[in-house]
Amino acid sequence: MSRIGTIDFRGMTGHKYTFNVYPLKNHFSKDKGAVYVVTRRIVKADGLVDHNLLFVGTTENISTVQDMVEKSACFTREHANCICTYWEDNSATRVKINDDLINHYHPPCNYE
């Protein structure tokens, strides 16, 4: 499936990270490192879009994330429908970005 847009998330540090937005059912074939965010995307009456941030995670291989996403009770309960990716090969940098976003947004599915 194709990317449906981009979204900026700001960390606790104030740093802005631009993520690619995909439908949650997207199956990535890339063997690529990323920080990923699972959201509930809501299209408002005026056509603008909001994202409720539900989970932030990191992976060395984005293609392996789909099984975890599909099995999560929290994502089902929260009506998750998008996965957003920030491509980053360096694992230490991924962890810093992950922590920065979690400390700012306190995503509910990270605490279950």
N, C-alpha and C. Protein backbone atom coordinates (compact mmCIF):
# COMPACT_ATOMS: atom_id res chain seq x y z
N MET A 1 0.84 -1.19 0.00
CA MET A 1 0.00 0.00 0.00
C MET A 1 0.88 1.25 0.00
N SER A 2 0.32 2.30 -0.44
CA SER A 2 1.06 3.54 -0.58
C SER A 2 0.97 4.41 0.66
N ARG A 3 1.93 5.26 0.77
CA ARG A 3 1.93 6.26 1.82
C ARG A 3 0.73 7.17 1.61
N ILE A 4 0.05 7.53 2.71
CA ILE A 4 -1.12 8.40 2.59
C ILE A 4 -0.82 9.83 3.04
N GLY A 5 0.40 10.08 3.46
CA GLY A 5 0.77 11.43 3.85
C GLY A 5 1.97 11.45 4.77
N THR A 6 2.19 12.60 5.37
CA THR A 6 3.23 12.75 6.37
C THR A 6 2.63 13.47 7.57
N ILE A 7 3.29 13.32 8.71
CA ILE A 7 2.87 14.01 9.92
C ILE A 7 4.10 14.33 10.74
N ASP A 8 4.08 15.48 11.39
CA ASP A 8 5.16 15.87 12.28
C ASP A 8 4.76 15.59 13.72
N PHE A 9 5.64 14.93 14.44
CA PHE A 9 5.50 14.75 15.88
C PHE A 9 6.67 15.46 16.54
N ARG A 10 6.41 16.16 17.64
CA ARG A 10 7.46 16.83 18.39
C ARG A 10 7.75 16.05 19.66
N GLY A 11 9.02 15.93 19.97
CA GLY A 11 9.41 15.26 21.19
C GLY A 11 9.40 16.22 22.38
N MET A 12 9.68 15.69 23.55
CA MET A 12 9.77 16.49 24.76
C MET A 12 10.85 17.57 24.62
N THR A 13 11.89 17.27 23.83
CA THR A 13 12.98 18.22 23.60
C THR A 13 12.57 19.37 22.68
N GLY A 14 11.42 19.24 22.03
CA GLY A 14 10.99 20.23 21.06
C GLY A 14 11.41 19.89 19.64
N HIS A 15 12.23 18.86 19.48
CA HIS A 15 12.66 18.45 18.15
C HIS A 15 11.48 17.90 17.35
N LYS A 16 11.40 18.29 16.08
CA LYS A 16 10.32 17.83 15.20
C LYS A 16 10.82 16.67 14.35
N TYR A 17 10.00 15.61 14.29
CA TYR A 17 10.30 14.43 13.49
C TYR A 17 9.18 14.27 12.46
N THR A 18 9.53 14.18 11.19
CA THR A 18 8.54 14.01 10.14
C THR A 18 8.42 12.52 9.80
N PHE A 19 7.23 11.98 10.00
CA PHE A 19 6.93 10.57 9.77
C PHE A 19 6.12 10.40 8.50
N ASN A 20 6.32 9.28 7.81
CA ASN A 20 5.46 8.86 6.71
C ASN A 20 4.27 8.13 7.31
N VAL A 21 3.08 8.35 6.78
CA VAL A 21 1.85 7.75 7.29
C VAL A 21 1.35 6.69 6.31
N TYR A 22 1.06 5.50 6.84
CA TYR A 22 0.55 4.38 6.05
C TYR A 22 -0.68 3.80 6.75
N PRO A 23 -1.56 3.15 6.00
CA PRO A 23 -2.65 2.42 6.64
C PRO A 23 -2.06 1.33 7.54
N LEU A 24 -2.73 1.03 8.63
CA LEU A 24 -2.23 0.04 9.58
C LEU A 24 -2.02 -1.32 8.94
N LYS A 25 -2.83 -1.66 7.97
CA LYS A 25 -2.72 -2.96 7.31
C LYS A 25 -1.58 -3.01 6.29
N ASN A 26 -0.80 -1.94 6.20
CA ASN A 26 0.32 -1.91 5.27
C ASN A 26 1.33 -3.00 5.65
N HIS A 27 1.82 -3.71 4.66
CA HIS A 27 2.86 -4.72 4.90
C HIS A 27 4.14 -4.21 4.27
N PHE A 28 5.12 -3.94 5.11
CA PHE A 28 6.40 -3.41 4.65
C PHE A 28 7.28 -4.55 4.17
N SER A 29 7.88 -4.38 3.04
CA SER A 29 8.81 -5.39 2.55
C SER A 29 10.26 -4.97 2.81
N LYS A 30 10.44 -3.75 3.29
CA LYS A 30 11.78 -3.25 3.57
C LYS A 30 12.35 -3.90 4.83
N ASP A 31 13.61 -4.23 4.77
CA ASP A 31 14.36 -4.68 5.95
C ASP A 31 15.12 -3.45 6.42
N LYS A 32 14.40 -2.54 7.09
CA LYS A 32 14.95 -1.23 7.39
C LYS A 32 14.61 -0.83 8.82
N GLY A 33 15.55 -0.16 9.47
CA GLY A 33 15.34 0.32 10.82
C GLY A 33 14.45 1.55 10.85
N ALA A 34 13.63 1.63 11.91
CA ALA A 34 12.70 2.76 12.00
C ALA A 34 12.23 2.97 13.43
N VAL A 35 11.80 4.19 13.68
CA VAL A 35 10.93 4.49 14.81
C VAL A 35 9.55 4.48 14.20
N TYR A 36 8.59 3.84 14.87
CA TYR A 36 7.25 3.80 14.31
C TYR A 36 6.25 4.23 15.37
N VAL A 37 5.17 4.83 14.89
CA VAL A 37 4.10 5.32 15.74
C VAL A 37 2.79 4.75 15.22
N VAL A 38 2.02 4.15 16.11
CA VAL A 38 0.69 3.65 15.75
C VAL A 38 -0.31 4.71 16.21
N THR A 39 -1.23 5.07 15.30
CA THR A 39 -2.19 6.14 15.60
C THR A 39 -3.61 5.74 15.20
N ARG A 40 -4.52 6.53 15.70
CA ARG A 40 -5.89 6.51 15.19
C ARG A 40 -6.05 7.79 14.39
N ARG A 41 -6.20 7.66 13.10
CA ARG A 41 -6.35 8.80 12.19
C ARG A 41 -7.83 9.11 12.07
N ILE A 42 -8.17 10.38 12.30
CA ILE A 42 -9.56 10.82 12.25
C ILE A 42 -9.67 11.96 11.24
N VAL A 43 -10.50 11.78 10.23
CA VAL A 43 -10.75 12.83 9.25
C VAL A 43 -11.96 13.62 9.74
N LYS A 44 -11.74 14.91 9.98
CA LYS A 44 -12.79 15.78 10.51
C LYS A 44 -13.70 16.26 9.38
N ALA A 45 -14.83 16.84 9.76
CA ALA A 45 -15.83 17.31 8.80
C ALA A 45 -15.25 18.33 7.82
N ASP A 46 -14.27 19.12 8.27
CA ASP A 46 -13.68 20.13 7.40
C ASP A 46 -12.57 19.57 6.50
N GLY A 47 -12.37 18.24 6.57
CA GLY A 47 -11.37 17.59 5.74
C GLY A 47 -9.98 17.51 6.35
N LEU A 48 -9.77 18.23 7.45
CA LEU A 48 -8.48 18.15 8.13
C LEU A 48 -8.38 16.83 8.89
N VAL A 49 -7.16 16.44 9.21
CA VAL A 49 -6.92 15.14 9.81
C VAL A 49 -6.24 15.31 11.17
N ASP A 50 -6.70 14.54 12.16
CA ASP A 50 -6.05 14.44 13.46
C ASP A 50 -5.54 13.03 13.65
N HIS A 51 -4.47 12.89 14.42
CA HIS A 51 -3.94 11.58 14.78
C HIS A 51 -3.86 11.49 16.29
N ASN A 52 -4.49 10.49 16.87
CA ASN A 52 -4.32 10.19 18.28
C ASN A 52 -3.16 9.20 18.38
N LEU A 53 -2.08 9.62 19.02
CA LEU A 53 -0.89 8.80 19.12
C LEU A 53 -1.11 7.73 20.18
N LEU A 54 -1.01 6.45 19.80
CA LEU A 54 -1.31 5.33 20.68
C LEU A 54 -0.08 4.57 21.15
N PHE A 55 0.98 4.53 20.34
CA PHE A 55 2.15 3.72 20.66
C PHE A 55 3.36 4.24 19.90
N VAL A 56 4.52 4.21 20.55
CA VAL A 56 5.79 4.52 19.90
C VAL A 56 6.71 3.35 20.12
N GLY A 57 7.36 2.89 19.05
CA GLY A 57 8.30 1.78 19.17
C GLY A 57 9.45 1.93 18.20
N THR A 58 10.44 1.05 18.36
CA THR A 58 11.58 1.03 17.45
C THR A 58 11.76 -0.39 16.93
N THR A 59 12.36 -0.49 15.78
CA THR A 59 12.65 -1.79 15.19
C THR A 59 13.85 -1.69 14.27
N GLU A 60 14.61 -2.77 14.19
CA GLU A 60 15.69 -2.85 13.22
C GLU A 60 15.18 -3.32 11.87
N ASN A 61 13.95 -3.87 11.86
CA ASN A 61 13.37 -4.42 10.64
C ASN A 61 11.87 -4.16 10.63
N ILE A 62 11.46 -3.12 9.95
CA ILE A 62 10.05 -2.72 9.94
C ILE A 62 9.14 -3.82 9.40
N SER A 63 9.66 -4.71 8.59
CA SER A 63 8.81 -5.76 8.02
C SER A 63 8.34 -6.77 9.07
N THR A 64 8.95 -6.79 10.25
CA THR A 64 8.56 -7.74 11.30
C THR A 64 7.55 -7.16 12.28
N VAL A 65 7.20 -5.91 12.14
CA VAL A 65 6.32 -5.24 13.10
C VAL A 65 4.85 -5.63 12.93
N GLN A 66 4.43 -5.97 11.74
CA GLN A 66 3.01 -6.18 11.44
C GLN A 66 2.34 -7.21 12.34
N ASP A 67 2.99 -8.33 12.63
CA ASP A 67 2.37 -9.35 13.48
C ASP A 67 2.04 -8.80 14.86
N MET A 68 2.96 -8.03 15.43
CA MET A 68 2.72 -7.43 16.75
C MET A 68 1.56 -6.45 16.70
N VAL A 69 1.51 -5.65 15.66
CA VAL A 69 0.47 -4.64 15.54
C VAL A 69 -0.91 -5.29 15.42
N GLU A 70 -1.01 -6.32 14.61
CA GLU A 70 -2.31 -6.97 14.39
C GLU A 70 -2.82 -7.70 15.62
N LYS A 71 -1.94 -8.09 16.53
CA LYS A 71 -2.34 -8.87 17.69
C LYS A 71 -2.58 -8.03 18.95
N SER A 72 -2.35 -6.75 18.89
CA SER A 72 -2.43 -5.92 20.07
C SER A 72 -3.87 -5.59 20.45
N ALA A 73 -4.26 -5.99 21.64
CA ALA A 73 -5.60 -5.67 22.16
C ALA A 73 -5.78 -4.17 22.34
N CYS A 74 -4.72 -3.50 22.75
CA CYS A 74 -4.81 -2.05 22.93
C CYS A 74 -5.11 -1.35 21.61
N PHE A 75 -4.45 -1.76 20.54
CA PHE A 75 -4.69 -1.13 19.24
C PHE A 75 -6.12 -1.37 18.77
N THR A 76 -6.62 -2.55 19.03
CA THR A 76 -8.00 -2.87 18.66
C THR A 76 -8.97 -2.01 19.46
N ARG A 77 -8.76 -1.95 20.75
CA ARG A 77 -9.64 -1.16 21.63
C ARG A 77 -9.62 0.32 21.28
N GLU A 78 -8.45 0.83 20.90
CA GLU A 78 -8.28 2.26 20.61
C GLU A 78 -8.57 2.60 19.14
N HIS A 79 -8.98 1.60 18.35
CA HIS A 79 -9.33 1.78 16.93
C HIS A 79 -8.15 2.31 16.10
N ALA A 80 -6.98 1.75 16.33
CA ALA A 80 -5.80 2.13 15.56
C ALA A 80 -6.04 1.85 14.07
N ASN A 81 -5.59 2.77 13.23
CA ASN A 81 -5.76 2.56 11.78
C ASN A 81 -4.57 3.03 10.94
N CYS A 82 -3.51 3.55 11.59
CA CYS A 82 -2.34 4.00 10.85
C CYS A 82 -1.05 3.60 11.55
N ILE A 83 -0.03 3.41 10.76
CA ILE A 83 1.33 3.24 11.27
C ILE A 83 2.19 4.28 10.56
N CYS A 84 2.94 5.02 11.36
CA CYS A 84 3.77 6.11 10.85
C CYS A 84 5.23 5.73 11.05
N THR A 85 6.07 5.97 10.06
CA THR A 85 7.47 5.53 10.14
C THR A 85 8.43 6.70 9.98
N TYR A 86 9.46 6.64 10.79
CA TYR A 86 10.59 7.56 10.69
C TYR A 86 11.81 6.68 10.47
N TRP A 87 12.34 6.69 9.25
CA TRP A 87 13.43 5.79 8.90
C TRP A 87 14.71 6.25 9.56
N GLU A 88 15.32 5.33 10.32
CA GLU A 88 16.58 5.63 11.02
C GLU A 88 17.37 4.34 11.17
N ASP A 89 18.56 4.30 10.60
CA ASP A 89 19.38 3.10 10.66
C ASP A 89 20.14 2.93 11.98
N ASN A 90 20.48 4.03 12.63
CA ASN A 90 21.28 3.97 13.84
C ASN A 90 20.42 3.61 15.06
N SER A 91 20.73 2.51 15.71
CA SER A 91 19.89 2.03 16.82
C SER A 91 19.92 2.98 18.01
N ALA A 92 21.04 3.60 18.32
CA ALA A 92 21.11 4.54 19.45
C ALA A 92 20.24 5.77 19.17
N THR A 93 20.25 6.23 17.94
CA THR A 93 19.41 7.38 17.57
C THR A 93 17.94 7.01 17.64
N ARG A 94 17.58 5.79 17.21
CA ARG A 94 16.18 5.33 17.31
C ARG A 94 15.71 5.35 18.76
N VAL A 95 16.54 4.88 19.67
CA VAL A 95 16.16 4.84 21.08
C VAL A 95 15.95 6.26 21.62
N LYS A 96 16.82 7.19 21.25
CA LYS A 96 16.67 8.59 21.71
C LYS A 96 15.37 9.21 21.20
N ILE A 97 15.07 8.97 19.92
CA ILE A 97 13.83 9.50 19.34
C ILE A 97 12.62 8.86 20.02
N ASN A 98 12.66 7.55 20.19
CA ASN A 98 11.59 6.81 20.87
C ASN A 98 11.32 7.42 22.26
N ASP A 99 12.36 7.59 23.05
CA ASP A 99 12.21 8.12 24.40
C ASP A 99 11.70 9.56 24.37
N ASP A 100 12.20 10.36 23.44
CA ASP A 100 11.77 11.75 23.30
C ASP A 100 10.27 11.83 23.04
N LEU A 101 9.77 10.99 22.14
CA LEU A 101 8.34 11.01 21.81
C LEU A 101 7.48 10.44 22.95
N ILE A 102 7.90 9.34 23.55
CA ILE A 102 7.13 8.76 24.66
C ILE A 102 7.04 9.75 25.81
N ASN A 103 8.14 10.42 26.14
CA ASN A 103 8.12 11.38 27.25
C ASN A 103 7.22 12.57 26.98
N HIS A 104 7.00 12.88 25.72
CA HIS A 104 6.11 14.01 25.38
C HIS A 104 4.64 13.59 25.30
N TYR A 105 4.36 12.46 24.65
CA TYR A 105 2.98 12.07 24.37
C TYR A 105 2.37 11.09 25.37
N HIS A 106 3.17 10.34 26.07
CA HIS A 106 2.67 9.32 27.00
C HIS A 106 1.61 8.44 26.34
N PRO A 107 1.95 7.76 25.23
CA PRO A 107 0.98 6.97 24.48
C PRO A 107 0.41 5.82 25.31
N PRO A 108 -0.91 5.64 25.32
CA PRO A 108 -1.53 4.67 26.22
C PRO A 108 -1.11 3.22 25.99
N CYS A 109 -0.86 2.83 24.76
CA CYS A 109 -0.50 1.43 24.50
C CYS A 109 0.95 1.11 24.89
N ASN A 110 1.75 2.12 25.18
CA ASN A 110 3.10 1.87 25.68
C ASN A 110 3.10 1.47 27.15
N TYR A 111 1.98 1.67 27.83
CA TYR A 111 1.93 1.45 29.27
C TYR A 111 1.12 0.22 29.64
N GLU A 112 0.86 -0.64 28.69
CA GLU A 112 0.10 -1.86 28.98
C GLU A 112 1.01 -3.05 29.07
